N, C-alpha and C. Protein backbone atom coordinates (compact mmCIF):
# COMPACT_ATOMS: atom_id res chain seq x y z
N MET A 1 34.54 125.01 4.40
CA MET A 1 34.72 123.74 5.20
C MET A 1 33.44 122.92 5.39
N SER A 2 32.30 123.95 5.61
CA SER A 2 30.99 123.25 5.83
C SER A 2 30.38 122.24 4.71
N ALA A 3 30.89 122.90 3.60
CA ALA A 3 30.57 122.28 2.23
C ALA A 3 31.11 120.92 2.12
N ARG A 4 32.81 120.75 2.74
CA ARG A 4 33.24 119.68 2.66
C ARG A 4 32.62 118.67 3.81
N PHE A 5 32.49 119.23 4.92
CA PHE A 5 31.55 118.41 5.61
C PHE A 5 30.30 117.59 5.51
N ALA A 6 29.56 118.68 4.65
CA ALA A 6 28.17 118.27 4.20
C ALA A 6 28.31 117.26 2.97
N ALA A 7 29.31 117.32 2.17
CA ALA A 7 29.82 116.33 1.19
C ALA A 7 30.11 115.24 1.78
N LEU A 8 30.79 114.93 2.54
CA LEU A 8 31.61 113.64 3.41
C LEU A 8 30.17 113.04 4.04
N ARG A 9 29.40 114.00 5.03
CA ARG A 9 28.01 113.24 5.55
C ARG A 9 27.25 112.47 4.45
N ARG A 10 27.05 113.06 3.64
CA ARG A 10 26.11 112.70 2.47
C ARG A 10 26.76 111.45 1.84
N ARG A 11 28.05 111.24 1.77
CA ARG A 11 28.95 110.08 0.93
C ARG A 11 28.48 108.94 2.08
N LEU A 12 28.96 109.45 3.36
CA LEU A 12 28.68 108.40 4.44
C LEU A 12 27.00 107.68 4.50
N HIS A 13 26.35 108.53 4.50
CA HIS A 13 24.89 108.52 4.51
C HIS A 13 24.59 107.19 3.44
N ASP A 14 25.00 107.84 2.23
CA ASP A 14 24.62 106.94 1.03
C ASP A 14 25.43 105.64 0.84
N ALA A 15 26.54 105.48 1.75
CA ALA A 15 26.98 104.16 1.82
C ALA A 15 26.50 103.39 2.87
N TRP A 16 25.90 103.94 3.86
CA TRP A 16 25.35 103.03 5.06
C TRP A 16 23.75 102.71 4.45
N ALA A 17 23.22 103.47 3.48
CA ALA A 17 21.69 103.19 3.01
C ALA A 17 22.06 102.01 1.76
N VAL A 18 23.07 101.89 1.19
CA VAL A 18 23.18 100.66 0.41
C VAL A 18 23.64 99.33 1.00
N ARG A 19 23.87 99.61 2.05
CA ARG A 19 24.28 98.24 3.21
C ARG A 19 22.86 97.48 3.40
N THR A 20 22.90 96.31 3.59
CA THR A 20 21.91 95.20 3.70
C THR A 20 21.45 95.36 5.27
N PRO A 21 20.41 95.17 5.86
CA PRO A 21 20.14 95.03 7.41
C PRO A 21 21.09 94.21 8.09
N ARG A 22 21.69 93.26 7.51
CA ARG A 22 22.42 92.24 7.95
C ARG A 22 24.00 93.01 8.18
N GLU A 23 24.42 93.44 7.05
CA GLU A 23 25.59 94.23 6.87
C GLU A 23 25.87 95.03 8.13
N ARG A 24 24.46 95.97 8.22
CA ARG A 24 24.35 97.07 9.18
C ARG A 24 24.64 96.61 10.73
N ARG A 25 23.98 95.37 10.78
CA ARG A 25 24.06 94.75 12.30
C ARG A 25 25.47 94.40 12.46
N ALA A 26 26.23 93.76 11.62
CA ALA A 26 27.32 93.26 11.65
C ALA A 26 28.62 94.43 11.72
N LEU A 27 28.22 95.79 10.96
CA LEU A 27 29.04 96.69 11.23
C LEU A 27 28.86 97.39 12.63
N ARG A 28 27.73 97.61 13.10
CA ARG A 28 27.39 98.21 14.46
C ARG A 28 27.96 97.32 15.44
N LEU A 29 27.73 95.93 15.27
CA LEU A 29 28.79 95.06 16.28
C LEU A 29 30.08 95.19 16.19
N ALA A 30 30.48 95.13 15.09
CA ALA A 30 32.15 95.27 14.97
C ALA A 30 32.32 96.65 15.61
N ALA A 31 31.84 97.55 15.35
CA ALA A 31 32.08 99.13 15.91
C ALA A 31 32.07 99.21 17.51
N GLY A 32 31.19 98.44 17.93
CA GLY A 32 30.71 98.32 19.25
C GLY A 32 32.01 97.57 20.15
N VAL A 33 32.27 96.31 19.39
CA VAL A 33 33.61 95.80 19.96
C VAL A 33 34.87 96.42 19.93
N LEU A 34 35.02 97.17 18.78
CA LEU A 34 36.03 98.09 18.86
C LEU A 34 36.22 98.88 19.76
N LEU A 35 35.10 100.02 19.90
CA LEU A 35 34.84 100.91 21.08
C LEU A 35 35.23 100.27 22.64
N ALA A 36 34.75 98.88 22.82
CA ALA A 36 35.03 98.37 23.96
C ALA A 36 36.35 98.02 24.06
N ALA A 37 37.11 97.67 22.85
CA ALA A 37 38.51 97.23 22.95
C ALA A 37 39.45 98.47 23.54
N VAL A 38 38.89 99.61 22.76
CA VAL A 38 39.87 100.76 23.04
C VAL A 38 39.55 101.51 24.12
N TRP A 39 38.36 101.29 24.69
CA TRP A 39 38.08 101.93 26.06
C TRP A 39 38.86 101.08 27.38
N LEU A 40 38.83 99.65 27.08
CA LEU A 40 39.51 99.00 28.07
C LEU A 40 40.98 98.94 27.92
N GLN A 41 41.52 99.22 26.82
CA GLN A 41 42.93 99.31 26.58
C GLN A 41 43.17 100.70 27.37
N LEU A 42 42.55 101.84 27.09
CA LEU A 42 42.83 102.98 27.83
C LEU A 42 42.66 103.04 29.28
N VAL A 43 41.67 102.34 30.05
CA VAL A 43 41.82 102.06 31.23
C VAL A 43 42.67 101.04 31.86
N TRP A 44 43.28 100.10 31.21
CA TRP A 44 44.16 99.27 31.60
C TRP A 44 45.50 100.00 31.36
N HIS A 45 45.80 100.93 30.49
CA HIS A 45 46.94 101.67 30.44
C HIS A 45 46.83 102.49 31.68
N ALA A 46 45.95 103.56 31.81
CA ALA A 46 45.79 104.13 32.90
C ALA A 46 46.18 103.52 34.54
N ALA A 47 45.62 102.13 34.54
CA ALA A 47 45.97 101.59 35.84
C ALA A 47 47.27 101.14 35.96
N GLU A 48 47.93 100.56 34.76
CA GLU A 48 49.34 100.31 34.94
C GLU A 48 50.40 101.46 35.22
N ARG A 49 50.16 102.64 34.65
CA ARG A 49 51.02 103.94 34.51
C ARG A 49 50.69 104.05 36.28
N ARG A 50 49.57 103.82 36.70
CA ARG A 50 49.23 104.80 38.12
C ARG A 50 50.32 103.84 38.90
N GLN A 51 50.23 102.51 38.82
CA GLN A 51 50.87 101.81 39.46
C GLN A 51 52.25 102.09 39.56
N ILE A 52 52.75 102.13 38.38
CA ILE A 52 54.34 102.65 37.84
C ILE A 52 54.75 104.16 38.64
N LEU A 53 53.84 105.03 38.71
CA LEU A 53 54.00 106.37 38.93
C LEU A 53 53.97 106.68 40.51
N GLU A 54 53.25 105.74 41.26
CA GLU A 54 52.69 105.91 42.47
C GLU A 54 53.75 106.05 43.23
N PRO A 55 55.06 105.16 43.43
CA PRO A 55 56.17 105.27 44.08
C PRO A 55 56.99 106.40 43.77
N GLU A 56 57.22 106.81 42.37
CA GLU A 56 57.89 108.01 42.21
C GLU A 56 56.96 109.22 42.67
N VAL A 57 55.89 109.39 42.81
CA VAL A 57 55.04 110.46 43.43
C VAL A 57 55.41 110.37 45.08
N GLN A 58 55.66 109.43 45.49
CA GLN A 58 55.80 109.37 46.91
C GLN A 58 57.40 109.78 47.16
N ARG A 59 58.07 109.33 46.37
CA ARG A 59 59.56 109.76 46.48
C ARG A 59 59.71 111.38 46.19
N LEU A 60 58.88 111.85 45.31
CA LEU A 60 59.07 113.35 45.15
C LEU A 60 58.39 114.00 46.48
N LYS A 61 57.16 113.51 47.07
CA LYS A 61 56.60 113.94 48.10
C LYS A 61 57.54 114.43 49.35
N SER A 62 58.19 113.41 49.33
CA SER A 62 59.20 113.04 50.61
C SER A 62 60.65 114.52 50.29
N ARG A 63 61.07 114.31 49.00
CA ARG A 63 61.71 115.30 48.80
C ARG A 63 61.11 116.82 48.92
N VAL A 64 60.04 116.87 48.61
CA VAL A 64 59.29 118.18 48.76
C VAL A 64 59.77 118.41 50.31
N ALA A 65 59.06 117.52 51.02
CA ALA A 65 59.34 117.68 52.51
C ALA A 65 60.71 117.96 53.13
N LEU A 66 61.18 117.40 52.53
CA LEU A 66 62.78 117.89 52.75
C LEU A 66 63.36 119.07 52.54
N ALA A 67 62.72 119.66 51.30
CA ALA A 67 63.09 120.89 50.70
C ALA A 67 62.54 121.70 51.78
N GLU A 68 61.32 121.76 52.09
CA GLU A 68 60.69 122.60 53.24
C GLU A 68 61.29 122.76 54.39
N ALA A 69 61.68 121.38 54.61
CA ALA A 69 62.50 121.64 56.19
C ALA A 69 63.69 122.30 55.88
N LEU A 70 64.43 122.05 54.93
CA LEU A 70 65.70 122.78 54.59
C LEU A 70 65.63 124.47 54.53
N ALA A 71 64.27 124.74 53.78
CA ALA A 71 63.94 126.02 53.57
C ALA A 71 63.70 126.65 54.77
N ALA A 72 63.06 125.81 55.88
CA ALA A 72 62.84 126.54 57.08
C ALA A 72 63.94 126.61 57.95
N GLN A 73 64.78 125.81 57.81
CA GLN A 73 66.25 125.91 58.62
C GLN A 73 66.75 126.93 58.26
N ILE A 74 66.98 127.31 56.61
CA ILE A 74 67.77 128.39 56.13
C ILE A 74 66.96 129.71 56.66
N ALA A 75 65.61 129.79 56.95
CA ALA A 75 64.74 131.04 57.36
C ALA A 75 65.00 131.13 58.85
N ASN A 76 65.34 130.19 59.70
CA ASN A 76 65.63 130.70 61.16
C ASN A 76 66.96 129.67 61.42
N PRO A 77 67.72 130.35 60.93
CA PRO A 77 69.03 129.43 61.42
C PRO A 77 69.32 129.21 62.94
N PRO A 78 70.11 128.25 63.20
CA PRO A 78 70.36 128.00 64.63
C PRO A 78 71.26 129.08 65.25
N ALA A 79 71.51 128.75 66.48
CA ALA A 79 72.25 130.04 67.27
C ALA A 79 73.91 129.83 66.31
N PRO A 80 74.58 131.00 66.43
CA PRO A 80 75.93 130.99 65.81
C PRO A 80 76.86 129.87 66.46
N ALA A 81 77.95 129.62 66.00
CA ALA A 81 78.85 128.56 66.29
C ALA A 81 79.76 128.87 67.47
N ALA A 82 79.86 130.23 67.94
CA ALA A 82 80.73 130.43 68.93
C ALA A 82 79.73 130.38 70.49
N VAL A 83 78.38 130.72 70.42
CA VAL A 83 77.62 130.58 71.31
C VAL A 83 77.36 129.04 71.58
N ALA A 84 77.17 128.39 70.35
CA ALA A 84 77.28 126.67 70.73
C ALA A 84 78.45 126.31 71.37
N VAL A 85 79.58 126.43 70.85
CA VAL A 85 80.83 126.24 71.46
C VAL A 85 81.15 126.38 72.86
N THR A 86 80.79 127.64 73.39
CA THR A 86 81.17 128.19 74.65
C THR A 86 80.07 127.68 75.37
N ALA A 87 78.88 127.36 74.99
CA ALA A 87 77.61 127.32 76.20
C ALA A 87 77.48 125.78 76.18
N SER A 88 77.40 125.12 75.18
CA SER A 88 77.10 123.54 75.27
C SER A 88 78.38 122.78 74.94
N ALA A 89 79.41 123.21 74.67
CA ALA A 89 80.63 122.33 74.56
C ALA A 89 81.81 122.98 74.97
N PRO A 90 81.88 122.95 76.22
CA PRO A 90 82.92 123.52 76.92
C PRO A 90 84.22 123.05 76.87
N THR A 91 85.33 123.31 77.01
CA THR A 91 86.42 122.84 77.13
C THR A 91 86.78 121.33 77.80
N PRO A 92 86.70 120.36 77.04
CA PRO A 92 86.79 119.15 78.00
C PRO A 92 87.92 119.04 79.05
N PRO A 93 87.57 118.05 80.07
CA PRO A 93 88.87 118.29 81.10
C PRO A 93 90.10 117.92 80.79
N ALA A 94 90.23 117.02 79.74
CA ALA A 94 91.56 116.51 79.02
C ALA A 94 92.55 117.63 78.48
N TYR A 95 91.52 118.97 78.54
CA TYR A 95 92.46 119.69 77.68
C TYR A 95 92.44 121.16 78.70
N PRO A 96 93.18 121.19 79.67
CA PRO A 96 93.85 122.20 80.69
C PRO A 96 94.12 123.45 79.94
N GLY A 97 95.03 123.37 78.96
CA GLY A 97 95.71 124.53 78.42
C GLY A 97 94.77 125.05 77.21
N LEU A 98 93.57 124.57 76.79
CA LEU A 98 93.07 124.96 75.41
C LEU A 98 92.44 126.16 75.79
N ASP A 99 92.44 127.32 75.45
CA ASP A 99 91.71 128.54 75.52
C ASP A 99 90.65 128.65 74.28
N MET A 100 89.54 129.19 74.61
CA MET A 100 88.60 129.36 73.39
C MET A 100 88.05 131.01 73.68
N GLN A 101 88.10 131.69 72.55
CA GLN A 101 87.73 133.01 72.42
C GLN A 101 86.56 133.01 71.31
N PRO A 102 85.31 133.33 71.86
CA PRO A 102 84.05 133.56 70.85
C PRO A 102 84.36 134.93 70.07
N ALA A 103 84.20 134.57 68.59
CA ALA A 103 84.33 135.70 67.96
C ALA A 103 83.40 135.65 66.71
N GLY A 104 81.98 136.35 67.03
CA GLY A 104 81.00 136.24 65.96
C GLY A 104 80.51 134.57 65.58
N MET A 105 80.50 134.24 64.58
CA MET A 105 80.25 132.81 63.92
C MET A 105 81.39 131.64 64.29
N ARG A 106 82.20 132.57 64.60
CA ARG A 106 83.82 131.47 64.88
C ARG A 106 84.17 131.56 66.27
N CYS A 107 85.09 130.78 66.64
CA CYS A 107 85.43 130.65 67.95
C CYS A 107 86.99 130.58 67.93
N ARG A 108 87.93 131.49 68.12
CA ARG A 108 89.42 130.91 68.35
C ARG A 108 89.65 130.11 69.48
N ILE A 109 90.73 129.24 69.17
CA ILE A 109 91.15 128.11 70.00
C ILE A 109 92.51 128.20 70.13
N SER A 110 93.39 128.07 71.16
CA SER A 110 94.59 128.05 71.20
C SER A 110 95.19 127.35 72.59
N GLY A 111 96.36 126.55 72.37
CA GLY A 111 96.55 125.84 73.63
C GLY A 111 97.72 124.65 73.33
N THR A 112 98.01 123.95 74.36
CA THR A 112 98.98 122.70 74.15
C THR A 112 98.01 121.77 74.48
N VAL A 113 97.92 120.64 73.93
CA VAL A 113 96.94 119.40 73.82
C VAL A 113 97.43 118.54 73.30
N SER A 114 96.96 117.01 73.75
CA SER A 114 97.14 116.02 73.39
C SER A 114 96.54 115.56 71.89
N PHE A 115 97.11 115.38 70.88
CA PHE A 115 97.13 115.76 69.52
C PHE A 115 95.53 114.39 69.30
N ASP A 116 95.78 113.18 69.85
CA ASP A 116 94.81 112.20 69.56
C ASP A 116 93.69 112.83 70.16
N ALA A 117 93.43 112.99 71.39
CA ALA A 117 92.23 113.36 72.31
C ALA A 117 91.81 114.78 71.57
N TRP A 118 92.83 115.81 71.12
CA TRP A 118 92.10 116.74 70.40
C TRP A 118 91.31 116.36 69.07
N VAL A 119 91.75 115.41 68.36
CA VAL A 119 91.17 115.25 67.00
C VAL A 119 89.92 114.53 67.60
N GLY A 120 89.67 113.59 68.68
CA GLY A 120 88.43 112.75 68.87
C GLY A 120 87.56 114.01 69.55
N TRP A 121 87.92 114.99 70.23
CA TRP A 121 87.13 116.15 70.53
C TRP A 121 86.45 116.85 69.28
N LEU A 122 87.24 117.07 68.29
CA LEU A 122 86.80 117.79 67.20
C LEU A 122 85.74 116.82 66.51
N GLY A 123 85.91 115.84 66.47
CA GLY A 123 84.97 114.59 65.93
C GLY A 123 83.63 114.59 66.64
N GLU A 124 83.75 114.73 67.68
CA GLU A 124 82.45 114.67 68.94
C GLU A 124 81.67 116.24 68.63
N LEU A 125 82.48 117.48 68.37
CA LEU A 125 81.82 118.62 68.23
C LEU A 125 81.15 118.66 66.99
N GLN A 126 81.99 118.22 65.63
CA GLN A 126 81.31 118.06 64.57
C GLN A 126 79.89 117.34 64.49
N ARG A 127 80.06 116.10 65.31
CA ARG A 127 78.88 115.23 65.31
C ARG A 127 77.68 115.75 66.29
N SER A 128 77.84 116.53 67.19
CA SER A 128 76.93 116.78 68.09
C SER A 128 76.57 118.33 68.15
N GLN A 129 77.80 119.29 67.80
CA GLN A 129 77.17 120.42 67.70
C GLN A 129 77.35 121.37 66.37
N HIS A 130 77.69 120.32 65.20
CA HIS A 130 77.76 120.93 63.61
C HIS A 130 78.91 121.85 63.69
N VAL A 131 79.67 121.70 64.55
CA VAL A 131 81.16 122.80 64.64
C VAL A 131 82.24 122.17 63.88
N VAL A 132 82.75 123.04 63.05
CA VAL A 132 84.04 122.18 62.32
C VAL A 132 85.33 122.96 62.48
N LEU A 133 86.25 122.42 62.23
CA LEU A 133 87.51 123.30 62.13
C LEU A 133 87.54 124.18 60.82
N ALA A 134 88.02 125.48 61.01
CA ALA A 134 87.67 126.28 59.83
C ALA A 134 89.39 126.25 59.28
N SER A 135 90.23 126.76 60.31
CA SER A 135 91.66 126.63 60.09
C SER A 135 92.53 126.28 61.17
N ALA A 136 93.81 125.68 61.10
CA ALA A 136 94.37 125.62 62.30
C ALA A 136 95.86 125.67 61.71
N ARG A 137 96.84 125.89 62.72
CA ARG A 137 98.28 125.56 62.91
C ARG A 137 98.63 125.19 64.00
N ILE A 138 99.33 123.67 63.49
CA ILE A 138 99.52 122.75 64.43
C ILE A 138 101.25 122.57 64.46
N ARG A 139 101.86 122.96 65.49
CA ARG A 139 103.37 122.57 65.57
C ARG A 139 103.68 121.53 66.95
N ARG A 140 104.74 120.77 66.83
CA ARG A 140 104.83 119.59 67.44
C ARG A 140 105.55 120.56 68.91
N THR A 141 105.44 119.90 69.91
CA THR A 141 106.25 120.20 71.11
C THR A 141 107.34 119.19 71.08
N SER A 142 108.17 119.41 72.44
CA SER A 142 109.16 118.48 72.77
C SER A 142 108.51 117.21 73.64
N VAL A 143 107.37 117.39 74.01
CA VAL A 143 106.79 116.54 74.67
C VAL A 143 106.04 115.51 73.42
N PRO A 144 106.32 114.11 73.55
CA PRO A 144 105.56 113.48 72.39
C PRO A 144 104.09 113.07 72.49
N GLY A 145 103.53 113.45 71.56
CA GLY A 145 101.93 113.50 71.48
C GLY A 145 101.38 114.52 71.89
N GLN A 146 101.96 115.68 72.23
CA GLN A 146 101.31 116.83 72.74
C GLN A 146 101.88 118.01 71.38
N VAL A 147 100.80 118.69 71.07
CA VAL A 147 101.02 119.66 70.14
C VAL A 147 100.51 121.30 70.50
N ASP A 148 101.08 122.04 70.00
CA ASP A 148 100.63 123.61 70.10
C ASP A 148 99.45 123.75 68.97
N ILE A 149 98.23 124.51 69.39
CA ILE A 149 97.15 124.54 68.37
C ILE A 149 96.87 126.15 68.36
N GLU A 150 96.81 126.81 67.19
CA GLU A 150 96.11 128.05 67.14
C GLU A 150 95.12 127.66 65.98
N GLY A 151 93.91 127.92 66.29
CA GLY A 151 92.89 127.86 64.85
C GLY A 151 91.69 128.35 65.37
N GLU A 152 90.88 128.18 64.39
CA GLU A 152 89.28 128.71 64.38
C GLU A 152 88.22 127.60 64.15
N LEU A 153 87.12 127.50 64.99
CA LEU A 153 85.86 126.78 64.66
C LEU A 153 84.97 127.54 64.27
N GLU A 154 84.11 127.04 63.44
CA GLU A 154 82.98 127.61 62.98
C GLU A 154 81.94 126.74 62.69
N TRP A 155 80.35 127.32 62.94
CA TRP A 155 79.37 126.58 62.86
C TRP A 155 79.12 126.29 61.32
N ALA A 156 78.57 124.99 61.30
CA ALA A 156 78.39 124.31 60.11
C ALA A 156 77.19 123.96 59.65
N PRO A 157 76.25 124.65 59.07
CA PRO A 157 74.72 124.29 59.04
C PRO A 157 74.62 123.01 58.27
């Protein structure tokens, strides 16, 4: 390997020695211009890529922050649904016949209520308490708009 390198170096030196001083100056100038052009291209390309990638970096940083927040939520989950339903979402006044029985992460409900008002109440529970209807059996009654309900609510993270 070093013999090859020495031979190449000798050939380049001989080629340089044969050149006239004017050719040497012209080659040095051409090499300088070429190096300056390559350097400017590298700097310009890096600046362009930075402008393109900066918004992506910001987007990824926000996703990392969201992932960390979700990981913290998983590590420290909020109170179980049954506690949240009974403590902060009592049976609304429009439901005199609705019974709620907490059972771990769920809450059993039963009673006869107005269907329209009950669906609105479920929407409010889901929006404010993150409590959803896990299962339900709904039967009509002889009174129009009233239904018998048996079901379970559960906490939805």
